[in-house]
Amino acid sequence: MNDTPPAVARPDCALLGFRLLIALLIGIHGWYRLHAGTSSGFGDWLATQGIPLAHAVAWGVTIGEVVGSACLAIGVCVRPFALLFMAIYAMGIVLVHAPEGWFVVGAGRNGMEYSVLLIGSLTLVALRIRTPLWHAFRSR
């Protein structure tokens, strides 16, 4: 008889799917910036906001989104990357989205609701991480 509780015996597939979705959403930002070549423009804008080493920060965010989203997807260094992303999106709220209000579309434009959703989602993922992606596919 197997006395191992189900949550330990097999990975939480819903959590895994949620983590993969968050990784995809974050990864798209970095990959788009790389593909479109807009990291320099992002750095220019950060400089107008008084951010020190603005171009280095822009490239750090871009590379962080690419590498960090892959790590989120495979379940490696989830908490550190989740904290990094939460800090990035919190700063985005302060610099961009809060002055625009709550709504991204509809009753407003460019507001903070999506960033708040990402921060909340990252918090849940960081608190509930259990297994790397490859553990979900190992034989039982």
C-alpha atoms as a PDB file:
ATOM      1  CA  MET A   1       0.000   0.000   0.000  1.00  0.00           C
ATOM      2  CA  ASN A   2       1.286   3.453  -0.871  1.00  0.00           C
ATOM      3  CA  ASP A   3       1.243   5.773   2.153  1.00  0.00           C
ATOM      4  CA  THR A   4       2.645   8.777   0.273  1.00  0.00           C
ATOM      5  CA  PRO A   5       0.156  11.674   0.079  1.00  0.00           C
ATOM      6  CA  PRO A   6      -0.986  12.443  -3.502  1.00  0.00           C
ATOM      7  CA  ALA A   7       0.520  15.978  -3.447  1.00  0.00           C
ATOM      8  CA  VAL A   8       3.963  14.494  -2.820  1.00  0.00           C
ATOM      9  CA  ALA A   9       3.582  11.457  -5.074  1.00  0.00           C
ATOM     10  CA  ARG A  10       2.944  13.462  -8.224  1.00  0.00           C
ATOM     11  CA  PRO A  11       3.464  17.072  -9.229  1.00  0.00           C
ATOM     12  CA  ASP A  12       0.675  19.603  -9.144  1.00  0.00           C
ATOM     13  CA  CYS A  13      -0.170  19.797 -12.846  1.00  0.00           C
ATOM     14  CA  ALA A  14      -2.342  22.875 -12.394  1.00  0.00           C
ATOM     15  CA  LEU A  15       0.545  24.732 -10.756  1.00  0.00           C
ATOM     16  CA  LEU A  16       2.900  23.550 -13.476  1.00  0.00           C
ATOM     17  CA  GLY A  17       0.526  24.798 -16.170  1.00  0.00           C
ATOM     18  CA  PHE A  18       0.114  28.130 -14.396  1.00  0.00           C
ATOM     19  CA  ARG A  19       3.892  28.506 -14.048  1.00  0.00           C
ATOM     20  CA  LEU A  20       4.340  27.722 -17.763  1.00  0.00           C
ATOM     21  CA  LEU A  21       1.733  30.339 -18.677  1.00  0.00           C
ATOM     22  CA  ILE A  22       3.437  33.000 -16.553  1.00  0.00           C
ATOM     23  CA  ALA A  23       6.809  32.061 -18.081  1.00  0.00           C
ATOM     24  CA  LEU A  24       5.354  32.428 -21.576  1.00  0.00           C
ATOM     25  CA  LEU A  25       3.830  35.836 -20.846  1.00  0.00           C
ATOM     26  CA  ILE A  26       7.078  37.148 -19.365  1.00  0.00           C
ATOM     27  CA  GLY A  27       9.298  35.560 -22.002  1.00  0.00           C
ATOM     28  CA  ILE A  28       7.361  37.200 -24.818  1.00  0.00           C
ATOM     29  CA  HIS A  29       8.344  40.637 -23.473  1.00  0.00           C
ATOM     30  CA  GLY A  30      12.063  39.899 -23.561  1.00  0.00           C
ATOM     31  CA  TRP A  31      12.015  37.990 -26.822  1.00  0.00           C
ATOM     32  CA  TYR A  32      10.014  40.761 -28.516  1.00  0.00           C
ATOM     33  CA  ARG A  33      12.465  43.404 -27.318  1.00  0.00           C
ATOM     34  CA  LEU A  34      15.381  41.304 -28.636  1.00  0.00           C
ATOM     35  CA  HIS A  35      13.689  40.571 -31.970  1.00  0.00           C
ATOM     36  CA  ALA A  36      12.484  44.129 -32.557  1.00  0.00           C
ATOM     37  CA  GLY A  37      15.752  45.669 -31.366  1.00  0.00           C
ATOM     38  CA  THR A  38      13.988  47.981 -28.926  1.00  0.00           C
ATOM     39  CA  SER A  39      16.195  47.480 -25.855  1.00  0.00           C
ATOM     40  CA  SER A  40      18.163  50.616 -26.745  1.00  0.00           C
ATOM     41  CA  GLY A  41      14.946  52.617 -26.992  1.00  0.00           C
ATOM     42  CA  PHE A  42      13.866  51.174 -23.655  1.00  0.00           C
ATOM     43  CA  GLY A  43      17.216  52.290 -22.237  1.00  0.00           C
ATOM     44  CA  ASP A  44      16.739  55.776 -23.691  1.00  0.00           C
ATOM     45  CA  TRP A  45      13.337  56.016 -22.021  1.00  0.00           C
ATOM     46  CA  LEU A  46      14.696  54.753 -18.691  1.00  0.00           C
ATOM     47  CA  ALA A  47      17.369  57.477 -18.892  1.00  0.00           C
ATOM     48  CA  THR A  48      14.631  60.126 -19.199  1.00  0.00           C
ATOM     49  CA  GLN A  49      13.177  58.722 -15.960  1.00  0.00           C
ATOM     50  CA  GLY A  50      16.471  59.289 -14.148  1.00  0.00           C
ATOM     51  CA  ILE A  51      17.414  55.607 -13.901  1.00  0.00           C
ATOM     52  CA  PRO A  52      21.189  55.251 -13.467  1.00  0.00           C
ATOM     53  CA  LEU A  53      22.935  53.068 -16.074  1.00  0.00           C
ATOM     54  CA  ALA A  54      19.670  53.041 -17.992  1.00  0.00           C
ATOM     55  CA  HIS A  55      20.895  51.061 -21.004  1.00  0.00           C
ATOM     56  CA  ALA A  56      22.484  48.405 -18.787  1.00  0.00           C
ATOM     57  CA  VAL A  57      19.228  48.162 -16.840  1.00  0.00           C
ATOM     58  CA  ALA A  58      17.226  47.853 -20.076  1.00  0.00           C
ATOM     59  CA  TRP A  59      19.455  45.065 -21.338  1.00  0.00           C
ATOM     60  CA  GLY A  60      19.414  43.419 -17.907  1.00  0.00           C
ATOM     61  CA  VAL A  61      15.619  43.421 -17.874  1.00  0.00           C
ATOM     62  CA  THR A  62      15.492  42.092 -21.439  1.00  0.00           C
ATOM     63  CA  ILE A  63      17.983  39.276 -20.854  1.00  0.00           C
ATOM     64  CA  GLY A  64      16.425  38.610 -17.443  1.00  0.00           C
ATOM     65  CA  GLU A  65      13.015  38.130 -19.053  1.00  0.00           C
ATOM     66  CA  VAL A  66      14.435  35.719 -21.634  1.00  0.00           C
ATOM     67  CA  VAL A  67      16.586  33.659 -19.264  1.00  0.00           C
ATOM     68  CA  GLY A  68      14.303  33.989 -16.241  1.00  0.00           C
ATOM     69  CA  SER A  69      11.203  32.910 -18.126  1.00  0.00           C
ATOM     70  CA  ALA A  70      13.014  29.789 -19.322  1.00  0.00           C
ATOM     71  CA  CYS A  71      14.047  29.071 -15.726  1.00  0.00           C
ATOM     72  CA  LEU A  72      10.471  29.571 -14.540  1.00  0.00           C
ATOM     73  CA  ALA A  73       9.261  27.177 -17.213  1.00  0.00           C
ATOM     74  CA  ILE A  74      11.646  24.398 -16.236  1.00  0.00           C
ATOM     75  CA  GLY A  75      11.368  25.081 -12.509  1.00  0.00           C
ATOM     76  CA  VAL A  76      14.923  26.246 -11.810  1.00  0.00           C
ATOM     77  CA  CYS A  77      15.615  29.257  -9.553  1.00  0.00           C
ATOM     78  CA  VAL A  78      11.897  30.023  -9.527  1.00  0.00           C
ATOM     79  CA  ARG A  79      11.844  32.075  -6.331  1.00  0.00           C
ATOM     80  CA  PRO A  80      14.797  34.333  -7.220  1.00  0.00           C
ATOM     81  CA  PHE A  81      13.429  35.039 -10.694  1.00  0.00           C
ATOM     82  CA  ALA A  82       9.902  35.534  -9.363  1.00  0.00           C
ATOM     83  CA  LEU A  83      11.256  38.123  -6.903  1.00  0.00           C
ATOM     84  CA  LEU A  84      13.243  39.816  -9.668  1.00  0.00           C
ATOM     85  CA  PHE A  85      10.183  40.003 -11.924  1.00  0.00           C
ATOM     86  CA  MET A  86       8.011  41.280  -9.073  1.00  0.00           C
ATOM     87  CA  ALA A  87      10.512  44.100  -8.519  1.00  0.00           C
ATOM     88  CA  ILE A  88      10.632  44.911 -12.247  1.00  0.00           C
ATOM     89  CA  TYR A  89       6.838  45.027 -12.575  1.00  0.00           C
ATOM     90  CA  ALA A  90       6.451  47.003  -9.340  1.00  0.00           C
ATOM     91  CA  MET A  91       8.841  49.587 -10.766  1.00  0.00           C
ATOM     92  CA  GLY A  92       6.819  49.556 -13.982  1.00  0.00           C
ATOM     93  CA  ILE A  93       3.728  50.349 -11.939  1.00  0.00           C
ATOM     94  CA  VAL A  94       5.484  53.275 -10.261  1.00  0.00           C
ATOM     95  CA  LEU A  95       7.055  54.701 -13.432  1.00  0.00           C
ATOM     96  CA  VAL A  96       4.349  54.031 -16.003  1.00  0.00           C
ATOM     97  CA  HIS A  97       1.134  52.340 -15.056  1.00  0.00           C
ATOM     98  CA  ALA A  98      -0.111  53.887 -11.781  1.00  0.00           C
ATOM     99  CA  PRO A  99      -0.269  57.396 -13.269  1.00  0.00           C
ATOM    100  CA  GLU A 100      -2.465  55.927 -16.030  1.00  0.00           C
ATOM    101  CA  GLY A 101      -4.943  54.402 -13.567  1.00  0.00           C
ATOM    102  CA  TRP A 102      -6.110  50.848 -13.073  1.00  0.00           C
ATOM    103  CA  PHE A 103      -7.381  49.645 -16.448  1.00  0.00           C
ATOM    104  CA  VAL A 104      -5.160  48.457 -19.289  1.00  0.00           C
ATOM    105  CA  VAL A 105      -8.032  48.819 -21.781  1.00  0.00           C
ATOM    106  CA  GLY A 106     -11.692  49.738 -21.632  1.00  0.00           C
ATOM    107  CA  ALA A 107     -12.252  52.295 -18.889  1.00  0.00           C
ATOM    108  CA  GLY A 108      -8.659  53.484 -19.278  1.00  0.00           C
ATOM    109  CA  ARG A 109      -5.440  52.800 -21.128  1.00  0.00           C
ATOM    110  CA  ASN A 110      -2.024  51.503 -20.028  1.00  0.00           C
ATOM    111  CA  GLY A 111      -3.075  51.120 -16.391  1.00  0.00           C
ATOM    112  CA  MET A 112      -1.626  48.815 -13.786  1.00  0.00           C
ATOM    113  CA  GLU A 113      -4.074  45.889 -13.690  1.00  0.00           C
ATOM    114  CA  TYR A 114      -1.912  43.542 -15.809  1.00  0.00           C
ATOM    115  CA  SER A 115       1.202  44.278 -13.751  1.00  0.00           C
ATOM    116  CA  VAL A 116      -0.714  43.660 -10.523  1.00  0.00           C
ATOM    117  CA  LEU A 117      -1.983  40.370 -11.953  1.00  0.00           C
ATOM    118  CA  LEU A 118       1.574  39.327 -12.883  1.00  0.00           C
ATOM    119  CA  ILE A 119       2.917  40.271  -9.438  1.00  0.00           C
ATOM    120  CA  GLY A 120       0.143  38.305  -7.721  1.00  0.00           C
ATOM    121  CA  SER A 121       0.707  35.343 -10.016  1.00  0.00           C
ATOM    122  CA  LEU A 122       4.457  35.387  -9.442  1.00  0.00           C
ATOM    123  CA  THR A 123       3.860  35.527  -5.699  1.00  0.00           C
ATOM    124  CA  LEU A 124       1.689  32.406  -5.859  1.00  0.00           C
ATOM    125  CA  VAL A 125       4.178  30.577  -8.048  1.00  0.00           C
ATOM    126  CA  ALA A 126       7.067  31.499  -5.733  1.00  0.00           C
ATOM    127  CA  LEU A 127       5.171  30.320  -2.670  1.00  0.00           C
ATOM    128  CA  ARG A 128       3.958  27.046  -4.209  1.00  0.00           C
ATOM    129  CA  ILE A 129       6.866  25.807  -6.328  1.00  0.00           C
ATOM    130  CA  ARG A 130       7.299  22.064  -5.817  1.00  0.00           C
ATOM    131  CA  THR A 131       9.060  20.355  -8.673  1.00  0.00           C
ATOM    132  CA  PRO A 132      11.031  21.164 -11.799  1.00  0.00           C
ATOM    133  CA  LEU A 133       9.347  20.537 -15.133  1.00  0.00           C
ATOM    134  CA  TRP A 134      11.242  17.337 -15.859  1.00  0.00           C
ATOM    135  CA  HIS A 135       9.875  15.692 -12.693  1.00  0.00           C
ATOM    136  CA  ALA A 136       6.386  15.905 -14.168  1.00  0.00           C
ATOM    137  CA  PHE A 137       7.387  13.551 -16.961  1.00  0.00           C
ATOM    138  CA  ARG A 138       9.447  10.969 -15.123  1.00  0.00           C
ATOM    139  CA  SER A 139       8.028   7.480 -14.834  1.00  0.00           C
ATOM    140  CA  ARG A 140       6.052   6.712 -11.706  1.00  0.00           C
END
